[in-house]
Amino acid sequence: MATLADRRTSAVRPKKAAEQAELERLRKKVARLEQEGAQKDAALDLMGKASALLQMISKSAD
């Protein structure tokens, strides 16, 4: 019966492959979210500058 044991799920076999895959997936997700955050920060900065410019134009037109 011992020869019929499934070695893929054996308690003896380390599960590093699954853990490594999960770590890689999470690292990619973190990198993607950091990039999205940086893009949003840049867009907000640009919108702030555009708003300030429009205010300056509006005041000079008065």
Foldseek 3Di string as FASTA:
>chain_A
DVVPDDPVPDPPDDPVVVVVVVVVVVVVVVVVVVVVVVVVVVVVVVVVVVVVVVVVVVVVVD
